[in-house]
Amino acid sequence: MADQAQAIQAIQQLAAQDPEIQKLQAQAQFKSVIHGHTDRCWEKCNLGKEATQSSLSGRAKSCLDNCVRNFFTCEGTVNEVMQKMTSGNK
């Protein structure tokens, strides 16, 4: 168990020093957030039954559009606040 913990720590130290690994980690995190939000929108819009159809209804398209727009609006606001906080301009 200690060997595994040491290996994980060594990998994390290497990742902290390698910009390419940091970039890949950021991409993976972004994809994870998008997939999670997609799942939430899918459930919120109750699209389970429509998943087997070749196209979505107008109601479903509108619901998904609004859900995704709200996500990106919120995400943009959070990013702006975080940038202000990290730059010291509160």
PDB file of N, CA and C in Angstrom:
ATOM      1  N   MET A   1       0.823  -1.191   0.000  1.00  0.00           N
ATOM      2  CA  MET A   1       0.000   0.000   0.000  1.00  0.00           C
ATOM      3  C   MET A   1       0.872   1.262   0.000  1.00  0.00           C
ATOM      4  N   ALA A   2       1.959   1.227   0.762  1.00  0.00           N
ATOM      5  CA  ALA A   2       2.857   2.376   0.817  1.00  0.00           C
ATOM      6  C   ALA A   2       3.530   2.589  -0.532  1.00  0.00           C
ATOM      7  N   ASP A   3       3.884   1.485  -1.213  1.00  0.00           N
ATOM      8  CA  ASP A   3       4.498   1.595  -2.534  1.00  0.00           C
ATOM      9  C   ASP A   3       3.556   2.254  -3.532  1.00  0.00           C
ATOM     10  N   GLN A   4       2.283   1.904  -3.451  1.00  0.00           N
ATOM     11  CA  GLN A   4       1.291   2.482  -4.351  1.00  0.00           C
ATOM     12  C   GLN A   4       1.145   3.974  -4.070  1.00  0.00           C
ATOM     13  N   ALA A   5       1.107   4.348  -2.809  1.00  0.00           N
ATOM     14  CA  ALA A   5       0.986   5.760  -2.439  1.00  0.00           C
ATOM     15  C   ALA A   5       2.203   6.540  -2.914  1.00  0.00           C
ATOM     16  N   GLN A   6       3.387   5.942  -2.802  1.00  0.00           N
ATOM     17  CA  GLN A   6       4.603   6.606  -3.268  1.00  0.00           C
ATOM     18  C   GLN A   6       4.591   6.764  -4.784  1.00  0.00           C
ATOM     19  N   ALA A   7       4.106   5.761  -5.477  1.00  0.00           N
ATOM     20  CA  ALA A   7       4.025   5.833  -6.937  1.00  0.00           C
ATOM     21  C   ALA A   7       3.065   6.930  -7.371  1.00  0.00           C
ATOM     22  N   ILE A   8       1.930   7.007  -6.706  1.00  0.00           N
ATOM     23  CA  ILE A   8       0.949   8.050  -7.024  1.00  0.00           C
ATOM     24  C   ILE A   8       1.542   9.421  -6.763  1.00  0.00           C
ATOM     25  N   GLN A   9       2.237   9.566  -5.645  1.00  0.00           N
ATOM     26  CA  GLN A   9       2.857  10.848  -5.310  1.00  0.00           C
ATOM     27  C   GLN A   9       3.912  11.225  -6.354  1.00  0.00           C
ATOM     28  N   ALA A  10       4.709  10.266  -6.794  1.00  0.00           N
ATOM     29  CA  ALA A  10       5.728  10.533  -7.810  1.00  0.00           C
ATOM     30  C   ALA A  10       5.091  10.970  -9.125  1.00  0.00           C
ATOM     31  N   ILE A  11       4.011  10.321  -9.505  1.00  0.00           N
ATOM     32  CA  ILE A  11       3.301  10.690 -10.734  1.00  0.00           C
ATOM     33  C   ILE A  11       2.730  12.096 -10.614  1.00  0.00           C
ATOM     34  N   GLN A  12       2.164  12.424  -9.467  1.00  0.00           N
ATOM     35  CA  GLN A  12       1.603  13.759  -9.263  1.00  0.00           C
ATOM     36  C   GLN A  12       2.690  14.825  -9.326  1.00  0.00           C
ATOM     37  N   GLN A  13       3.868  14.526  -8.789  1.00  0.00           N
ATOM     38  CA  GLN A  13       4.972  15.483  -8.847  1.00  0.00           C
ATOM     39  C   GLN A  13       5.429  15.696 -10.286  1.00  0.00           C
ATOM     40  N   LEU A  14       5.513  14.618 -11.050  1.00  0.00           N
ATOM     41  CA  LEU A  14       5.875  14.745 -12.462  1.00  0.00           C
ATOM     42  C   LEU A  14       4.827  15.543 -13.228  1.00  0.00           C
ATOM     43  N   ALA A  15       3.571  15.280 -12.940  1.00  0.00           N
ATOM     44  CA  ALA A  15       2.479  15.989 -13.616  1.00  0.00           C
ATOM     45  C   ALA A  15       2.533  17.474 -13.316  1.00  0.00           C
ATOM     46  N   ALA A  16       2.891  17.822 -12.092  1.00  0.00           N
ATOM     47  CA  ALA A  16       2.958  19.234 -11.710  1.00  0.00           C
ATOM     48  C   ALA A  16       4.061  19.958 -12.471  1.00  0.00           C
ATOM     49  N   GLN A  17       5.057  19.227 -12.929  1.00  0.00           N
ATOM     50  CA  GLN A  17       6.188  19.835 -13.630  1.00  0.00           C
ATOM     51  C   GLN A  17       6.038  19.795 -15.151  1.00  0.00           C
ATOM     52  N   ASP A  18       5.131  19.013 -15.662  1.00  0.00           N
ATOM     53  CA  ASP A  18       5.013  18.811 -17.108  1.00  0.00           C
ATOM     54  C   ASP A  18       3.782  19.531 -17.656  1.00  0.00           C
ATOM     55  N   PRO A  19       3.986  20.593 -18.446  1.00  0.00           N
ATOM     56  CA  PRO A  19       2.853  21.346 -18.995  1.00  0.00           C
ATOM     57  C   PRO A  19       1.930  20.499 -19.867  1.00  0.00           C
ATOM     58  N   GLU A  20       2.487  19.524 -20.574  1.00  0.00           N
ATOM     59  CA  GLU A  20       1.662  18.672 -21.439  1.00  0.00           C
ATOM     60  C   GLU A  20       0.705  17.827 -20.604  1.00  0.00           C
ATOM     61  N   ILE A  21       1.201  17.293 -19.497  1.00  0.00           N
ATOM     62  CA  ILE A  21       0.339  16.507 -18.609  1.00  0.00           C
ATOM     63  C   ILE A  21      -0.724  17.406 -17.988  1.00  0.00           C
ATOM     64  N   GLN A  22      -0.340  18.619 -17.605  1.00  0.00           N
ATOM     65  CA  GLN A  22      -1.313  19.562 -17.047  1.00  0.00           C
ATOM     66  C   GLN A  22      -2.404  19.870 -18.065  1.00  0.00           C
ATOM     67  N   LYS A  23      -2.009  20.041 -19.312  1.00  0.00           N
ATOM     68  CA  LYS A  23      -2.982  20.313 -20.375  1.00  0.00           C
ATOM     69  C   LYS A  23      -3.946  19.141 -20.531  1.00  0.00           C
ATOM     70  N   LEU A  24      -3.407  17.927 -20.537  1.00  0.00           N
ATOM     71  CA  LEU A  24      -4.252  16.735 -20.663  1.00  0.00           C
ATOM     72  C   LEU A  24      -5.189  16.585 -19.467  1.00  0.00           C
ATOM     73  N   GLN A  25      -4.690  16.896 -18.272  1.00  0.00           N
ATOM     74  CA  GLN A  25      -5.536  16.826 -17.085  1.00  0.00           C
ATOM     75  C   GLN A  25      -6.672  17.847 -17.166  1.00  0.00           C
ATOM     76  N   ALA A  26      -6.361  19.055 -17.638  1.00  0.00           N
ATOM     77  CA  ALA A  26      -7.389  20.089 -17.778  1.00  0.00           C
ATOM     78  C   ALA A  26      -8.440  19.669 -18.801  1.00  0.00           C
ATOM     79  N   GLN A  27      -8.001  19.073 -19.905  1.00  0.00           N
ATOM     80  CA  GLN A  27      -8.943  18.598 -20.920  1.00  0.00           C
ATOM     81  C   GLN A  27      -9.841  17.497 -20.365  1.00  0.00           C
ATOM     82  N   ALA A  28      -9.253  16.585 -19.617  1.00  0.00           N
ATOM     83  CA  ALA A  28     -10.035  15.494 -19.023  1.00  0.00           C
ATOM     84  C   ALA A  28     -11.048  16.034 -18.026  1.00  0.00           C
ATOM     85  N   GLN A  29     -10.635  17.017 -17.240  1.00  0.00           N
ATOM     86  CA  GLN A  29     -11.551  17.611 -16.265  1.00  0.00           C
ATOM     87  C   GLN A  29     -12.693  18.326 -16.980  1.00  0.00           C
ATOM     88  N   PHE A  30     -12.381  19.059 -18.046  1.00  0.00           N
ATOM     89  CA  PHE A  30     -13.409  19.760 -18.813  1.00  0.00           C
ATOM     90  C   PHE A  30     -14.416  18.772 -19.396  1.00  0.00           C
ATOM     91  N   LYS A  31     -13.908  17.684 -19.978  1.00  0.00           N
ATOM     92  CA  LYS A  31     -14.796  16.663 -20.544  1.00  0.00           C
ATOM     93  C   LYS A  31     -15.686  16.054 -19.471  1.00  0.00           C
ATOM     94  N   SER A  32     -15.136  15.845 -18.299  1.00  0.00           N
ATOM     95  CA  SER A  32     -15.910  15.278 -17.192  1.00  0.00           C
ATOM     96  C   SER A  32     -17.043  16.217 -16.790  1.00  0.00           C
ATOM     97  N   VAL A  33     -16.744  17.509 -16.723  1.00  0.00           N
ATOM     98  CA  VAL A  33     -17.771  18.500 -16.372  1.00  0.00           C
ATOM     99  C   VAL A  33     -18.868  18.514 -17.435  1.00  0.00           C
ATOM    100  N   ILE A  34     -18.482  18.510 -18.699  1.00  0.00           N
ATOM    101  CA  ILE A  34     -19.460  18.533 -19.791  1.00  0.00           C
ATOM    102  C   ILE A  34     -20.336  17.285 -19.764  1.00  0.00           C
ATOM    103  N   HIS A  35     -19.727  16.124 -19.570  1.00  0.00           N
ATOM    104  CA  HIS A  35     -20.514  14.882 -19.518  1.00  0.00           C
ATOM    105  C   HIS A  35     -21.481  14.900 -18.336  1.00  0.00           C
ATOM    106  N   GLY A  36     -21.024  15.394 -17.198  1.00  0.00           N
ATOM    107  CA  GLY A  36     -21.897  15.476 -16.025  1.00  0.00           C
ATOM    108  C   GLY A  36     -23.069  16.401 -16.272  1.00  0.00           C
ATOM    109  N   HIS A  37     -22.793  17.537 -16.913  1.00  0.00           N
ATOM    110  CA  HIS A  37     -23.882  18.481 -17.180  1.00  0.00           C
ATOM    111  C   HIS A  37     -24.835  17.926 -18.234  1.00  0.00           C
ATOM    112  N   THR A  38     -24.297  17.248 -19.221  1.00  0.00           N
ATOM    113  CA  THR A  38     -25.149  16.618 -20.231  1.00  0.00           C
ATOM    114  C   THR A  38     -26.107  15.636 -19.571  1.00  0.00           C
ATOM    115  N   ASP A  39     -25.599  14.846 -18.651  1.00  0.00           N
ATOM    116  CA  ASP A  39     -26.455  13.895 -17.929  1.00  0.00           C
ATOM    117  C   ASP A  39     -27.548  14.611 -17.147  1.00  0.00           C
ATOM    118  N   ARG A  40     -27.175  15.718 -16.477  1.00  0.00           N
ATOM    119  CA  ARG A  40     -28.174  16.475 -15.703  1.00  0.00           C
ATOM    120  C   ARG A  40     -29.245  17.062 -16.616  1.00  0.00           C
ATOM    121  N   CYS A  41     -28.832  17.622 -17.754  1.00  0.00           N
ATOM    122  CA  CYS A  41     -29.810  18.182 -18.695  1.00  0.00           C
ATOM    123  C   CYS A  41     -30.702  17.076 -19.251  1.00  0.00           C
ATOM    124  N   TRP A  42     -30.118  15.932 -19.553  1.00  0.00           N
ATOM    125  CA  TRP A  42     -30.884  14.800 -20.091  1.00  0.00           C
ATOM    126  C   TRP A  42     -31.976  14.400 -19.100  1.00  0.00           C
ATOM    127  N   GLU A  43     -31.599  14.310 -17.816  1.00  0.00           N
ATOM    128  CA  GLU A  43     -32.578  13.942 -16.784  1.00  0.00           C
ATOM    129  C   GLU A  43     -33.597  15.057 -16.572  1.00  0.00           C
ATOM    130  N   LYS A  44     -33.122  16.309 -16.507  1.00  0.00           N
ATOM    131  CA  LYS A  44     -34.013  17.450 -16.272  1.00  0.00           C
ATOM    132  C   LYS A  44     -35.069  17.548 -17.369  1.00  0.00           C
ATOM    133  N   CYS A  45     -34.655  17.319 -18.596  1.00  0.00           N
ATOM    134  CA  CYS A  45     -35.574  17.429 -19.725  1.00  0.00           C
ATOM    135  C   CYS A  45     -36.347  16.137 -19.971  1.00  0.00           C
ATOM    136  N   ASN A  46     -36.120  15.133 -19.141  1.00  0.00           N
ATOM    137  CA  ASN A  46     -36.848  13.862 -19.204  1.00  0.00           C
ATOM    138  C   ASN A  46     -36.795  13.267 -20.616  1.00  0.00           C
ATOM    139  N   LEU A  47     -35.573  13.045 -21.088  1.00  0.00           N
ATOM    140  CA  LEU A  47     -35.384  12.601 -22.468  1.00  0.00           C
ATOM    141  C   LEU A  47     -35.229  11.094 -22.620  1.00  0.00           C
ATOM    142  N   GLY A  48     -35.415  10.351 -21.569  1.00  0.00           N
ATOM    143  CA  GLY A  48     -35.227   8.905 -21.623  1.00  0.00           C
ATOM    144  C   GLY A  48     -36.018   8.234 -22.724  1.00  0.00           C
ATOM    145  N   LYS A  49     -37.285   8.589 -22.872  1.00  0.00           N
ATOM    146  CA  LYS A  49     -38.146   7.956 -23.876  1.00  0.00           C
ATOM    147  C   LYS A  49     -37.769   8.373 -25.293  1.00  0.00           C
ATOM    148  N   GLU A  50     -37.269   9.601 -25.438  1.00  0.00           N
ATOM    149  CA  GLU A  50     -36.945  10.106 -26.773  1.00  0.00           C
ATOM    150  C   GLU A  50     -35.595   9.608 -27.272  1.00  0.00           C
ATOM    151  N   ALA A  51     -34.824   8.975 -26.407  1.00  0.00           N
ATOM    152  CA  ALA A  51     -33.485   8.523 -26.790  1.00  0.00           C
ATOM    153  C   ALA A  51     -33.524   7.479 -27.894  1.00  0.00           C
ATOM    154  N   THR A  52     -34.623   6.766 -28.002  1.00  0.00           N
ATOM    155  CA  THR A  52     -34.723   5.716 -29.016  1.00  0.00           C
ATOM    156  C   THR A  52     -35.245   6.241 -30.350  1.00  0.00           C
ATOM    157  N   GLN A  53     -35.668   7.491 -30.393  1.00  0.00           N
ATOM    158  CA  GLN A  53     -36.200   8.072 -31.627  1.00  0.00           C
ATOM    159  C   GLN A  53     -35.065   8.666 -32.455  1.00  0.00           C
ATOM    160  N   SER A  54     -35.321   8.863 -33.738  1.00  0.00           N
ATOM    161  CA  SER A  54     -34.281   9.387 -34.624  1.00  0.00           C
ATOM    162  C   SER A  54     -34.062  10.885 -34.450  1.00  0.00           C
ATOM    163  N   SER A  55     -35.044  11.606 -33.897  1.00  0.00           N
ATOM    164  CA  SER A  55     -34.870  13.035 -33.649  1.00  0.00           C
ATOM    165  C   SER A  55     -35.642  13.423 -32.393  1.00  0.00           C
ATOM    166  N   LEU A  56     -35.260  14.558 -31.828  1.00  0.00           N
ATOM    167  CA  LEU A  56     -35.912  15.040 -30.607  1.00  0.00           C
ATOM    168  C   LEU A  56     -37.097  15.926 -30.955  1.00  0.00           C
ATOM    169  N   SER A  57     -38.057  15.976 -30.073  1.00  0.00           N
ATOM    170  CA  SER A  57     -39.218  16.849 -30.261  1.00  0.00           C
ATOM    171  C   SER A  57     -38.790  18.302 -30.064  1.00  0.00           C
ATOM    172  N   GLY A  58     -39.645  19.208 -30.482  1.00  0.00           N
ATOM    173  CA  GLY A  58     -39.380  20.631 -30.290  1.00  0.00           C
ATOM    174  C   GLY A  58     -39.229  20.980 -28.823  1.00  0.00           C
ATOM    175  N   ARG A  59     -40.060  20.376 -27.981  1.00  0.00           N
ATOM    176  CA  ARG A  59     -39.986  20.623 -26.541  1.00  0.00           C
ATOM    177  C   ARG A  59     -38.640  20.165 -25.989  1.00  0.00           C
ATOM    178  N   ALA A  60     -38.206  18.991 -26.420  1.00  0.00           N
ATOM    179  CA  ALA A  60     -36.939  18.448 -25.937  1.00  0.00           C
ATOM    180  C   ALA A  60     -35.764  19.310 -26.395  1.00  0.00           C
ATOM    181  N   LYS A  61     -35.780  19.729 -27.655  1.00  0.00           N
ATOM    182  CA  LYS A  61     -34.710  20.582 -28.174  1.00  0.00           C
ATOM    183  C   LYS A  61     -34.650  21.897 -27.412  1.00  0.00           C
ATOM    184  N   SER A  62     -35.812  22.491 -27.156  1.00  0.00           N
ATOM    185  CA  SER A  62     -35.874  23.752 -26.425  1.00  0.00           C
ATOM    186  C   SER A  62     -35.356  23.585 -24.996  1.00  0.00           C
ATOM    187  N   CYS A  63     -35.759  22.503 -24.352  1.00  0.00           N
ATOM    188  CA  CYS A  63     -35.320  22.245 -22.984  1.00  0.00           C
ATOM    189  C   CYS A  63     -33.801  22.080 -22.931  1.00  0.00           C
ATOM    190  N   LEU A  64     -33.260  21.281 -23.841  1.00  0.00           N
ATOM    191  CA  LEU A  64     -31.808  21.074 -23.873  1.00  0.00           C
ATOM    192  C   LEU A  64     -31.070  22.371 -24.167  1.00  0.00           C
ATOM    193  N   ASP A  65     -31.577  23.143 -25.114  1.00  0.00           N
ATOM    194  CA  ASP A  65     -30.957  24.417 -25.467  1.00  0.00           C
ATOM    195  C   ASP A  65     -30.897  25.335 -24.254  1.00  0.00           C
ATOM    196  N   ASN A  66     -32.014  25.468 -23.545  1.00  0.00           N
ATOM    197  CA  ASN A  66     -32.051  26.326 -22.358  1.00  0.00           C
ATOM    198  C   ASN A  66     -31.123  25.812 -21.263  1.00  0.00           C
ATOM    199  N   CYS A  67     -31.114  24.518 -21.058  1.00  0.00           N
ATOM    200  CA  CYS A  67     -30.273  23.925 -20.024  1.00  0.00           C
ATOM    201  C   CYS A  67     -28.790  24.186 -20.314  1.00  0.00           C
ATOM    202  N   VAL A  68     -28.384  23.970 -21.552  1.00  0.00           N
ATOM    203  CA  VAL A  68     -26.984  24.169 -21.924  1.00  0.00           C
ATOM    204  C   VAL A  68     -26.612  25.649 -21.857  1.00  0.00           C
ATOM    205  N   ARG A  69     -27.498  26.516 -22.322  1.00  0.00           N
ATOM    206  CA  ARG A  69     -27.231  27.964 -22.245  1.00  0.00           C
ATOM    207  C   ARG A  69     -27.050  28.400 -20.796  1.00  0.00           C
ATOM    208  N   ASN A  70     -27.919  27.924 -19.921  1.00  0.00           N
ATOM    209  CA  ASN A  70     -27.805  28.267 -18.505  1.00  0.00           C
ATOM    210  C   ASN A  70     -26.479  27.787 -17.930  1.00  0.00           C
ATOM    211  N   PHE A  71     -26.064  26.595 -18.317  1.00  0.00           N
ATOM    212  CA  PHE A  71     -24.791  26.059 -17.841  1.00  0.00           C
ATOM    213  C   PHE A  71     -23.638  26.962 -18.249  1.00  0.00           C
ATOM    214  N   PHE A  72     -23.570  27.325 -19.536  1.00  0.00           N
ATOM    215  CA  PHE A  72     -22.452  28.134 -20.004  1.00  0.00           C
ATOM    216  C   PHE A  72     -22.494  29.553 -19.441  1.00  0.00           C
ATOM    217  N   THR A  73     -23.682  30.101 -19.250  1.00  0.00           N
ATOM    218  CA  THR A  73     -23.793  31.419 -18.628  1.00  0.00           C
ATOM    219  C   THR A  73     -23.258  31.365 -17.202  1.00  0.00           C
ATOM    220  N   CYS A  74     -23.680  30.369 -16.466  1.00  0.00           N
ATOM    221  CA  CYS A  74     -23.226  30.195 -15.088  1.00  0.00           C
ATOM    222  C   CYS A  74     -21.721  29.942 -15.044  1.00  0.00           C
ATOM    223  N   GLU A  75     -21.239  29.090 -15.910  1.00  0.00           N
ATOM    224  CA  GLU A  75     -19.811  28.754 -15.956  1.00  0.00           C
ATOM    225  C   GLU A  75     -18.984  30.001 -16.260  1.00  0.00           C
ATOM    226  N   GLY A  76     -19.455  30.828 -17.196  1.00  0.00           N
ATOM    227  CA  GLY A  76     -18.749  32.060 -17.529  1.00  0.00           C
ATOM    228  C   GLY A  76     -18.696  33.019 -16.357  1.00  0.00           C
ATOM    229  N   THR A  77     -19.801  33.144 -15.634  1.00  0.00           N
ATOM    230  CA  THR A  77     -19.847  34.018 -14.463  1.00  0.00           C
ATOM    231  C   THR A  77     -18.889  33.523 -13.387  1.00  0.00           C
ATOM    232  N   VAL A  78     -18.902  32.233 -13.132  1.00  0.00           N
ATOM    233  CA  VAL A  78     -17.998  31.659 -12.129  1.00  0.00           C
ATOM    234  C   VAL A  78     -16.544  31.898 -12.532  1.00  0.00           C
ATOM    235  N   ASN A  79     -16.223  31.708 -13.804  1.00  0.00           N
ATOM    236  CA  ASN A  79     -14.848  31.934 -14.270  1.00  0.00           C
ATOM    237  C   ASN A  79     -14.427  33.383 -14.090  1.00  0.00           C
ATOM    238  N   GLU A  80     -15.315  34.326 -14.376  1.00  0.00           N
ATOM    239  CA  GLU A  80     -15.001  35.745 -14.195  1.00  0.00           C
ATOM    240  C   GLU A  80     -14.715  36.052 -12.733  1.00  0.00           C
ATOM    241  N   VAL A  81     -15.551  35.548 -11.849  1.00  0.00           N
ATOM    242  CA  VAL A  81     -15.361  35.784 -10.416  1.00  0.00           C
ATOM    243  C   VAL A  81     -14.044  35.167  -9.946  1.00  0.00           C
ATOM    244  N   MET A  82     -13.759  33.950 -10.397  1.00  0.00           N
ATOM    245  CA  MET A  82     -12.516  33.286  -9.994  1.00  0.00           C
ATOM    246  C   MET A  82     -11.294  34.057 -10.493  1.00  0.00           C
ATOM    247  N   GLN A  83     -11.356  34.586 -11.712  1.00  0.00           N
ATOM    248  CA  GLN A  83     -10.237  35.360 -12.239  1.00  0.00           C
ATOM    249  C   GLN A  83     -10.025  36.623 -11.423  1.00  0.00           C
ATOM    250  N   LYS A  84     -11.114  37.285 -11.050  1.00  0.00           N
ATOM    251  CA  LYS A  84     -10.999  38.487 -10.228  1.00  0.00           C
ATOM    252  C   LYS A  84     -10.412  38.158  -8.864  1.00  0.00           C
ATOM    253  N   MET A  85     -10.834  37.042  -8.304  1.00  0.00           N
ATOM    254  CA  MET A  85     -10.333  36.651  -6.985  1.00  0.00           C
ATOM    255  C   MET A  85      -8.841  36.312  -7.041  1.00  0.00           C
ATOM    256  N   THR A  86      -8.416  35.622  -8.082  1.00  0.00           N
ATOM    257  CA  THR A  86      -7.007  35.234  -8.170  1.00  0.00           C
ATOM    258  C   THR A  86      -6.108  36.400  -8.548  1.00  0.00           C
ATOM    259  N   SER A  87      -6.668  37.406  -9.216  1.00  0.00           N
ATOM    260  CA  SER A  87      -5.855  38.566  -9.574  1.00  0.00           C
ATOM    261  C   SER A  87      -5.878  39.634  -8.489  1.00  0.00           C
ATOM    262  N   GLY A  88      -6.698  39.442  -7.467  1.00  0.00           N
ATOM    263  CA  GLY A  88      -6.761  40.391  -6.364  1.00  0.00           C
ATOM    264  C   GLY A  88      -7.752  41.515  -6.570  1.00  0.00           C
ATOM    265  N   ASN A  89      -8.480  41.524  -7.673  1.00  0.00           N
ATOM    266  CA  ASN A  89      -9.486  42.554  -7.952  1.00  0.00           C
ATOM    267  C   ASN A  89     -10.856  42.054  -7.539  1.00  0.00           C
ATOM    268  N   LYS A  90     -11.161  42.195  -6.296  1.00  0.00           N
ATOM    269  CA  LYS A  90     -12.443  41.683  -5.793  1.00  0.00           C
ATOM    270  C   LYS A  90     -13.561  42.662  -6.012  1.00  0.00           C
TER     271      LYS A  90
END
